[in-house]
């Protein structure tokens, strides 16, 4: 019989990137930095193929960038 090939585990960095990215959409900026860092590290980790979750890492990175853009646009009137 053909047994299904076991899938590699999901990257914990990729999952944490999505979680921090969602939290970064709130008015805090610390999760934005964490989403960016873990997103990049998660993409690097999933590139080898030993773990999966590259899409999650990319989504967390995009959410981190969106949170950073939101933080910069809301803070910019304070500086100018």
Protein backbone atom coordinates (compact mmCIF):
# COMPACT_ATOMS: atom_id res chain seq x y z
CA UNK A 1 0.00 0.00 0.00
CA UNK A 2 1.00 3.57 -0.54
CA UNK A 3 1.25 5.37 2.74
CA UNK A 4 1.21 9.18 2.69
CA UNK A 5 4.55 10.82 3.18
CA UNK A 6 4.68 12.66 6.52
CA UNK A 7 4.82 16.41 6.15
CA UNK A 8 7.61 18.40 7.75
CA UNK A 9 6.69 20.37 10.85
CA UNK A 10 5.49 23.95 10.59
CA UNK A 11 7.95 26.69 11.47
CA UNK A 12 7.30 28.24 14.87
CA UNK A 13 8.94 31.44 13.67
CA UNK A 14 6.44 31.66 10.80
CA UNK A 15 3.51 31.17 13.16
CA UNK A 16 4.84 33.75 15.63
CA UNK A 17 5.31 36.20 12.74
CA UNK A 18 1.61 36.02 11.89
CA UNK A 19 0.63 36.40 15.55
CA UNK A 20 2.90 39.41 16.04
CA UNK A 21 1.71 40.85 12.72
CA UNK A 22 -1.92 40.73 13.82
CA UNK A 23 -1.01 42.23 17.20
CA UNK A 24 0.99 44.91 15.38
CA UNK A 25 -2.19 46.23 13.76
CA UNK A 26 -3.23 47.44 17.23
CA UNK A 27 -1.82 50.77 18.44
CA UNK A 28 1.38 49.18 19.81
CA UNK A 29 4.65 49.20 17.89
CA UNK A 30 6.65 46.51 19.69
CA UNK A 31 4.80 43.62 17.97
CA UNK A 32 5.51 45.25 14.60
CA UNK A 33 9.26 44.92 15.12
CA UNK A 34 8.82 41.33 16.33
CA UNK A 35 6.68 40.51 13.27
CA UNK A 36 9.33 41.87 10.92
CA UNK A 37 12.18 40.02 12.61
CA UNK A 38 10.38 36.67 12.96
CA UNK A 39 8.99 37.00 9.42
CA UNK A 40 12.46 37.32 7.92
CA UNK A 41 13.84 34.54 10.11
CA UNK A 42 10.83 32.34 9.28
CA UNK A 43 11.34 32.84 5.55
CA UNK A 44 15.00 31.92 5.88
CA UNK A 45 14.12 28.84 7.92
CA UNK A 46 11.49 27.57 5.48
CA UNK A 47 13.73 28.07 2.44
CA UNK A 48 15.60 24.83 3.20
CA UNK A 49 12.45 22.69 3.03
CA UNK A 50 12.97 21.00 6.40
CA UNK A 51 10.05 22.97 7.85
CA UNK A 52 7.00 24.39 6.14
CA UNK A 53 5.17 27.66 6.66
CA UNK A 54 6.74 30.04 4.16
CA UNK A 55 3.35 31.52 3.36
CA UNK A 56 2.69 32.19 7.02
CA UNK A 57 6.06 33.88 7.38
CA UNK A 58 5.38 36.03 4.31
CA UNK A 59 1.94 36.96 5.65
CA UNK A 60 3.44 37.95 9.01
CA UNK A 61 6.07 40.03 7.23
CA UNK A 62 3.39 41.83 5.18
CA UNK A 63 1.33 42.47 8.32
CA UNK A 64 4.45 43.79 10.04
CA UNK A 65 5.11 46.17 7.14
CA UNK A 66 1.48 47.31 7.22
CA UNK A 67 1.69 47.89 10.97
CA UNK A 68 4.91 49.85 10.54
CA UNK A 69 3.33 52.01 7.82
CA UNK A 70 0.33 52.62 10.08
CA UNK A 71 2.58 53.56 12.99
CA UNK A 72 4.62 55.96 10.85
CA UNK A 73 1.59 57.67 9.32
CA UNK A 74 -0.11 58.17 12.66
CA UNK A 75 3.06 59.42 14.31
CA UNK A 76 4.15 61.69 11.47
CA UNK A 77 1.94 64.68 12.48
CA UNK A 78 3.71 64.64 15.83
CA UNK A 79 7.07 65.21 14.16
CA UNK A 80 6.17 67.79 11.52
